[in-house]
Each structure stands twice: as C-alpha cells, then as structure tokens.
C-alpha cells in the first residue's frame, strides 16, 4: 500500500509541475555609470548604485519604465522558442561584445585576423584615440539598447566574468581546431582592456542615447477591417486583434496562458486555414491575406524576445 500511495503522490506532483504556468521573469537592471541612478518601474522608484545593479522581477504583461524624466511602455513575456538571459540598460550606456579565438596551435597576427574576418566578427567602430576621432576595424560589436537581450547579441561571458586563459574543446575531427568566444564589457572596463593591450593613452567612445520616444516600438496594426472583402477573414481577424489588445490588460499568470495560445502552432494554422476560405471568388484582391501579413509581420520579431517596447 505504501508503494501505491507514493506512486500516486508522485503522479500528482508531476501533474502540478506540468500544469504550472510561469507568471514572471527576473532581469538585472545595470548601472555602469559612476553615479547612482533612480529608475521607476510602474510607479515603484528604484535606487541603483554606481557600477552595480539590482535584480527585479517583472510580472508578464504591460509595464512602464521611467528614467531621467522620460518614460516608455513595454511588455514582459515568455519567449516562444528560445529562452535566453539579458539585462536592462536604462542609461543607454555603451557595451561592447569582444570576440576572441582560442586555437590549438599558435596563430600569427595575419592568420588570426583572417579567421575573425571569415567569421564576420569585424565591425567599424568610431573611437577617439589620444584626442583624434577615427574609425577602427575591430572584432567588436557596440550596443546601447535599453533592453539588451542575449538572443540578439550572444556572448559567452558577462561583464563580471573574465575570458579564461584556456578552454577545453570537445573532440570532434569534423570541426575546426579553434573556438570563437565572446565577452560583453561595460565601456569603462573595455577602455581599461584597450589601454592594457594597445598603446593608446586616452580612449573614449561617443555616447549617443536616444530619446525614449525614438526607441523602436512594436505596435499592433490598426487594420481597417471594413476593407477586408472576405467575411470569414474579416470576422477572424477582428477576433484576433481583440484577443491581442485584451492581452495587454492582463498580468502575471493571467497573461501567460492566452499569450501561449495566441502564438501556438495551432493558432498559426488557424491564421492560414482561414485564407482557404477567402478565395479568388469572394476576395479577388486578397484583402484578407494582405491584412493578415500586416499583422503577422508586426509581431514576428517579438516572438523570442522577453521584453519589447510598445506604444
């Protein structure tokens, strides 16, 4: 009897775990500047120390971030297919993703650069060196977004992790005998790195934050439903737009289930099955297909983001 009882308890536990819907996501809010800053999330003022940061838990759904007398709205949500980490950069400070190659054999400078260029790691970076402004080609990427997502800007080591002296590569004869690794730096730390490794006395980079109102926003398109000639398509898209707009009124676990349903494979199938009802006879100008593409294009780039700015 004890064994049966234990099995039932285990089954119940597995059921509960399987049915659990995440309702929030935690993100580090970073302050790489020399002074403390104050950031307000949904009216809650946070003091973030200099050269440090804090973890903050965001319920899934719509939020407002305010900093330096500006604000914007954004959505926190689960990623559809890939889940990666990231951090929030309210000061829009510069961060640098630097690429190094680890090789089994010694590489000459020319060979090293050739490998990096082959992997398309070089970018032209504006830099001020010893008072002279110039553009330098470096295995480097400069980013200063408010939401810095690892899915878009992959790195192996964060700004508080050093590059290792050596790495162990998995044995695979089909792969080249080198490994490309990336580290993200705060600007001040990267300048220190440059001064140590290159004979530059003074190094600086331009600071170009955007106004919050200029940050790219994802907007559910305002589709003229009356322009859709196919009745079935018009009714379906009207319901879809209502569901997405209603989603932004929800928070936490109330947000998770309907969001997952709206981006599921079944939902995508419904989008395109409706197209088969809008034929050349009842929709000769393909008004439903065009309206549907307008909608799907608008949300496509947000599918794997955990955070995105909205109007």
Protein backbone atom coordinates (compact mmCIF):
# COMPACT_ATOMS: atom_id res chain seq x y z
CA UNK A 1 0.00 0.00 0.00
CA UNK A 2 2.81 2.42 0.79
CA UNK A 3 4.29 1.93 -2.65
CA UNK A 4 0.94 2.67 -4.35
CA UNK A 5 0.43 5.75 -2.20
CA UNK A 6 3.90 7.05 -3.10
CA UNK A 7 3.26 6.49 -6.81
CA UNK A 8 0.03 8.47 -6.63
CA UNK A 9 1.74 11.32 -4.84
CA UNK A 10 4.47 11.34 -7.47
CA UNK A 11 1.90 11.41 -10.26
CA UNK A 12 0.12 14.33 -8.61
CA UNK A 13 3.39 16.18 -8.22
CA UNK A 14 4.25 15.65 -11.86
CA UNK A 15 0.80 16.84 -12.88
CA UNK A 16 1.16 20.01 -10.84
CA UNK A 17 4.57 20.74 -12.29
CA UNK A 18 3.33 20.09 -15.82
CA UNK A 19 0.36 22.42 -15.33
CA UNK A 20 2.39 25.23 -13.79
CA UNK A 21 2.39 28.38 -15.88
CA UNK A 22 5.27 30.83 -15.23
CA UNK A 23 3.97 34.28 -14.44
CA UNK A 24 7.06 36.48 -14.27
CA UNK A 25 10.67 36.95 -15.33
CA UNK A 26 13.64 38.34 -13.42
CA UNK A 27 16.06 40.78 -15.05
CA UNK A 28 19.18 42.58 -13.89
CA UNK A 29 18.96 46.37 -14.22
CA UNK A 30 22.53 47.56 -14.76
CA UNK A 31 24.08 50.90 -13.93
CA UNK A 32 27.63 51.10 -15.37
CA UNK A 33 27.96 54.84 -14.62
CA UNK A 34 29.95 56.47 -11.81
CA UNK A 35 26.82 57.77 -10.06
CA UNK A 36 23.76 56.13 -8.60
CA UNK A 37 20.61 56.46 -10.68
CA UNK A 38 16.90 56.28 -9.97
CA UNK A 39 14.65 54.22 -12.21
CA UNK A 40 10.89 53.93 -11.75
CA UNK A 41 9.03 50.76 -12.75
CA UNK A 42 5.23 51.07 -12.66
CA UNK A 43 5.49 53.89 -10.13
CA UNK A 44 7.97 51.99 -7.91
CA UNK A 45 11.18 54.05 -7.62
CA UNK A 46 14.41 52.04 -7.51
CA UNK A 47 17.81 53.38 -6.49
CA UNK A 48 20.56 51.63 -8.44
CA UNK A 49 24.13 52.03 -7.11
CA UNK A 50 27.00 53.17 -9.30
CA UNK A 51 28.93 50.45 -11.13
CA UNK A 52 26.34 47.93 -9.99
CA UNK A 53 22.72 46.98 -10.42
CA UNK A 54 19.73 45.17 -8.97
CA UNK A 55 17.58 42.18 -9.88
CA UNK A 56 13.93 43.00 -10.45
CA UNK A 57 11.01 40.64 -11.03
CA UNK A 58 8.56 41.64 -13.76
CA UNK A 59 5.15 40.03 -13.94
CA UNK A 60 4.29 39.10 -17.50
CA UNK A 61 2.28 41.86 -19.13
CA UNK A 62 2.47 45.59 -19.74
CA UNK A 63 4.76 47.87 -17.69
CA UNK A 64 6.14 51.42 -17.67
CA UNK A 65 9.79 52.37 -17.17
CA UNK A 66 10.77 55.94 -16.25
CA UNK A 67 14.27 57.40 -16.12
CA UNK A 68 15.68 60.91 -16.39
CA UNK A 69 12.22 62.48 -16.85
CA UNK A 70 11.32 60.19 -19.76
CA UNK A 71 9.23 57.04 -19.87
CA UNK A 72 8.01 54.29 -22.19
CA UNK A 73 5.73 51.28 -22.08
CA UNK A 74 6.94 47.74 -22.62
CA UNK A 75 5.81 44.14 -22.40
CA UNK A 76 7.48 41.39 -20.38
CA UNK A 77 6.61 37.92 -21.64
CA UNK A 78 7.83 34.36 -22.18
CA UNK A 79 9.96 33.66 -25.23
CA UNK A 80 8.21 31.43 -27.75
CA UNK A 81 11.01 29.06 -28.79
CA UNK A 82 14.32 30.11 -27.23
CA UNK A 83 14.85 31.42 -23.73
CA UNK A 84 17.98 33.48 -23.12
CA UNK A 85 19.08 35.94 -20.47
CA UNK A 86 19.87 39.62 -20.80
CA UNK A 87 19.78 42.84 -18.81
CA UNK A 88 18.22 46.30 -18.79
CA UNK A 89 20.32 49.36 -19.61
CA UNK A 90 18.20 52.41 -18.67
CA UNK A 91 21.08 54.88 -19.19
CA UNK A 92 21.63 53.54 -22.74
CA UNK A 93 25.31 53.26 -21.94
CA UNK A 94 27.72 51.63 -24.37
CA UNK A 95 28.53 47.93 -24.03
CA UNK A 96 30.98 46.04 -26.19
CA UNK A 97 30.93 42.41 -27.27
CA UNK A 98 34.52 41.38 -28.00
CA UNK A 99 35.39 38.18 -29.85
CA UNK A 100 38.50 36.09 -29.17
CA UNK A 101 39.66 32.93 -30.91
CA UNK A 102 41.12 30.07 -28.91
CA UNK A 103 43.24 27.76 -31.05
CA UNK A 104 45.12 24.51 -30.53
CA UNK A 105 48.13 25.97 -32.32
CA UNK A 106 49.81 29.36 -32.26
CA UNK A 107 48.33 31.77 -34.78
CA UNK A 108 50.17 34.62 -36.47
CA UNK A 109 48.52 38.04 -36.36
CA UNK A 110 47.50 37.85 -40.03
CA UNK A 111 46.08 34.36 -39.67
CA UNK A 112 44.20 35.38 -36.52
CA UNK A 113 42.61 38.38 -38.26
CA UNK A 114 41.77 36.29 -41.31
CA UNK A 115 39.85 33.80 -39.16
CA UNK A 116 37.91 36.59 -37.46
CA UNK A 117 37.07 38.22 -40.78
CA UNK A 118 35.98 34.88 -42.18
CA UNK A 119 33.55 34.61 -39.28
CA UNK A 120 32.38 38.21 -39.95
CA UNK A 121 33.39 39.38 -36.49
CA UNK A 122 34.91 42.72 -37.54
CA UNK A 123 32.95 45.98 -37.39
CA UNK A 124 33.92 49.60 -38.00
CA UNK A 125 33.82 51.34 -34.62
CA UNK A 126 34.05 55.10 -34.09
CA UNK A 127 36.63 55.80 -31.39
CA UNK A 128 38.51 58.85 -30.08
CA UNK A 129 42.20 57.96 -29.55
CA UNK A 130 44.54 60.47 -27.93
CA UNK A 131 42.16 63.26 -28.99
CA UNK A 132 41.80 62.16 -32.62
CA UNK A 133 38.45 60.84 -33.83
CA UNK A 134 38.76 57.88 -36.17
CA UNK A 135 37.04 54.71 -37.35
CA UNK A 136 38.79 51.47 -36.41
CA UNK A 137 38.01 47.96 -37.63
CA UNK A 138 37.84 45.69 -34.60
CA UNK A 139 36.39 42.25 -33.71
CA UNK A 140 33.81 44.09 -31.73
CA UNK A 141 30.12 44.95 -31.56
CA UNK A 142 28.85 48.10 -29.85
CA UNK A 143 25.35 48.01 -28.35
CA UNK A 144 23.48 50.55 -26.24
CA UNK A 145 19.85 49.38 -26.29
CA UNK A 146 17.67 49.71 -23.20
CA UNK A 147 16.83 46.00 -23.39
CA UNK A 148 19.97 44.05 -24.20
CA UNK A 149 18.84 40.52 -24.98
CA UNK A 150 21.29 37.66 -25.31
CA UNK A 151 19.17 36.10 -28.07
CA UNK A 152 20.07 39.11 -30.27
CA UNK A 153 23.63 39.76 -29.03
CA UNK A 154 25.10 36.45 -27.98
CA UNK A 155 28.01 36.35 -25.53
CA UNK A 156 29.70 33.54 -23.59
CA UNK A 157 30.98 35.64 -20.69
CA UNK A 158 29.23 38.52 -18.96
CA UNK A 159 30.85 41.80 -17.91
CA UNK A 160 31.67 40.37 -14.48
CA UNK A 161 33.34 37.24 -15.92
CA UNK A 162 36.88 37.25 -17.36
CA UNK A 163 37.91 35.47 -20.51
CA UNK A 164 39.50 32.15 -19.48
CA UNK A 165 43.22 31.58 -20.08
CA UNK A 166 42.46 28.28 -21.83
CA UNK A 167 39.38 26.33 -22.87
CA UNK A 168 38.78 22.62 -23.34
CA UNK A 169 37.36 21.77 -26.73
CA UNK A 170 35.23 18.71 -27.30
CA UNK A 171 36.95 16.19 -29.52
CA UNK A 172 35.37 16.37 -32.95
CA UNK A 173 37.51 15.87 -36.04
CA UNK A 174 34.79 17.30 -38.26
CA UNK A 175 35.11 20.71 -36.57
CA UNK A 176 37.98 23.22 -36.92
CA UNK A 177 40.57 23.18 -34.17
CA UNK A 178 39.63 26.56 -32.79
CA UNK A 179 36.82 28.07 -30.77
CA UNK A 180 35.31 31.52 -31.03
CA UNK A 181 34.18 33.02 -27.73
CA UNK A 182 32.60 36.36 -26.87
CA UNK A 183 32.59 38.52 -23.78
CA UNK A 184 30.44 41.58 -23.09
CA UNK A 185 32.11 44.58 -21.42
CA UNK A 186 30.89 47.72 -19.78
CA UNK A 187 32.51 50.65 -21.56
CA UNK A 188 34.87 51.63 -18.72
CA UNK A 189 36.12 48.06 -18.38
CA UNK A 190 36.67 47.79 -22.11
CA UNK A 191 38.65 51.03 -22.18
CA UNK A 192 40.88 49.61 -19.43
CA UNK A 193 41.32 46.49 -21.54
CA UNK A 194 42.33 48.56 -24.58
CA UNK A 195 44.84 50.63 -22.60
CA UNK A 196 46.45 47.47 -21.26
CA UNK A 197 46.70 45.72 -24.62
CA UNK A 198 47.19 48.56 -27.12
CA UNK A 199 49.48 51.56 -26.85
CA UNK A 200 46.68 54.12 -26.54
CA UNK A 201 46.96 56.66 -23.74
CA UNK A 202 43.45 58.13 -23.94
CA UNK A 203 40.47 56.29 -25.37
CA UNK A 204 36.79 57.24 -25.46
CA UNK A 205 33.63 56.49 -27.42
CA UNK A 206 30.65 58.59 -28.39
CA UNK A 207 27.65 58.46 -26.07
CA UNK A 208 24.50 58.60 -28.18
CA UNK A 209 21.38 57.76 -26.17
CA UNK A 210 18.02 58.01 -27.90
CA UNK A 211 15.04 59.82 -26.54
CA UNK A 212 12.70 57.18 -25.19
CA UNK A 213 10.10 58.33 -27.70
CA UNK A 214 12.56 57.44 -30.51
CA UNK A 215 13.08 53.82 -29.44
CA UNK A 216 11.60 51.34 -31.89
CA UNK A 217 8.09 50.40 -30.82
CA UNK A 218 6.08 47.33 -31.69
CA UNK A 219 2.51 48.26 -32.49
CA UNK A 220 -0.47 46.03 -33.14
CA UNK A 221 -1.50 47.41 -36.53
CA UNK A 222 -4.68 49.43 -36.86
CA UNK A 223 -6.24 47.37 -39.65
CA UNK A 224 -9.28 48.67 -41.48
CA UNK A 225 -11.49 45.60 -41.10
CA UNK A 226 -14.09 47.03 -43.48
CA UNK A 227 -11.52 46.85 -46.26
CA UNK A 228 -11.44 43.02 -45.98
CA UNK A 229 -13.88 41.70 -48.57
CA UNK A 230 -13.93 38.11 -47.30
CA UNK A 231 -16.47 37.83 -44.47
CA UNK A 232 -14.79 34.83 -42.80
CA UNK A 233 -11.39 36.53 -42.86
CA UNK A 234 -12.81 39.79 -41.57
CA UNK A 235 -14.52 38.10 -38.63
CA UNK A 236 -11.48 36.01 -37.79
CA UNK A 237 -9.04 38.92 -37.87
CA UNK A 238 -11.39 41.07 -35.80
CA UNK A 239 -11.37 38.40 -33.09
CA UNK A 240 -7.58 38.04 -33.31
CA UNK A 241 -7.00 41.78 -32.90
CA UNK A 242 -9.39 41.88 -29.94
CA UNK A 243 -7.53 38.99 -28.29
CA UNK A 244 -4.13 40.67 -28.70
CA UNK A 245 -5.35 44.03 -27.42
CA UNK A 246 -7.03 42.34 -24.46
CA UNK A 247 -3.76 40.55 -23.67
CA UNK A 248 -2.16 43.89 -22.77
CA UNK A 249 -4.71 44.33 -19.98
CA UNK A 250 -3.58 41.10 -18.26
CA UNK A 251 -0.75 40.47 -15.80
CA UNK A 252 1.18 37.50 -14.44
CA UNK A 253 -0.28 34.02 -14.89
CA UNK A 254 -3.44 35.55 -16.39
CA UNK A 255 -1.20 36.74 -19.26
CA UNK A 256 0.75 33.52 -19.79
CA UNK A 257 -1.92 31.07 -20.93
CA UNK A 258 -3.67 33.31 -23.51
CA UNK A 259 -0.30 34.50 -24.81
CA UNK A 260 0.93 30.95 -25.33
CA UNK A 261 -2.33 30.10 -27.07
CA UNK A 262 -2.07 33.12 -29.39
CA UNK A 263 1.46 32.17 -30.54
CA UNK A 264 0.94 28.39 -30.64
CA UNK A 265 1.27 26.32 -33.79
CA UNK A 266 -2.50 25.72 -33.66
CA UNK A 267 -3.11 29.48 -33.72
CA UNK A 268 -0.77 29.93 -36.68
CA UNK A 269 -2.57 27.10 -38.50
CA UNK A 270 -5.89 28.87 -37.92
CA UNK A 271 -4.46 32.05 -39.45
CA UNK A 272 -3.68 30.31 -42.69
CA UNK A 273 -6.64 27.93 -42.77
CA UNK A 274 -8.84 30.99 -42.85
CA UNK A 275 -7.05 32.00 -46.03
CA UNK A 276 -8.50 28.95 -47.76
CA UNK A 277 -11.97 30.37 -47.06
CA UNK A 278 -11.03 33.63 -48.75
CA UNK A 279 -10.93 32.58 -52.37
CA UNK A 280 -10.50 34.42 -55.65
CA UNK A 281 -14.27 34.43 -55.91
CA UNK A 282 -15.09 36.15 -52.59
CA UNK A 283 -11.77 38.03 -52.17
CA UNK A 284 -10.28 38.64 -55.62
CA UNK A 285 -7.85 41.30 -54.36
CA UNK A 286 -6.61 39.08 -51.50
CA UNK A 287 -7.56 41.70 -48.94
CA UNK A 288 -7.56 39.16 -46.09
CA UNK A 289 -4.12 37.78 -46.94
CA UNK A 290 -2.65 41.28 -47.10
CA UNK A 291 -4.19 42.27 -43.76
CA UNK A 292 -3.03 39.03 -42.14
CA UNK A 293 0.55 39.58 -43.38
CA UNK A 294 0.45 43.09 -41.93
CA UNK A 295 -0.48 41.65 -38.56
CA UNK A 296 1.94 38.68 -38.51
CA UNK A 297 4.85 40.87 -39.67
CA UNK A 298 4.18 43.24 -36.78
CA UNK A 299 4.54 40.55 -34.11
CA UNK A 300 7.12 38.29 -35.79
CA UNK A 301 10.21 39.93 -34.28
CA UNK A 302 8.80 39.82 -30.76
CA UNK A 303 8.30 36.05 -30.59
CA UNK A 304 11.64 35.21 -28.94
CA UNK A 305 12.08 38.48 -27.04
CA UNK A 306 11.35 38.57 -23.34
CA UNK A 307 10.95 42.36 -23.43
CA UNK A 308 9.84 44.75 -26.14
CA UNK A 309 8.76 48.39 -26.23
CA UNK A 310 5.20 49.23 -27.19
CA UNK A 311 3.33 52.42 -27.98
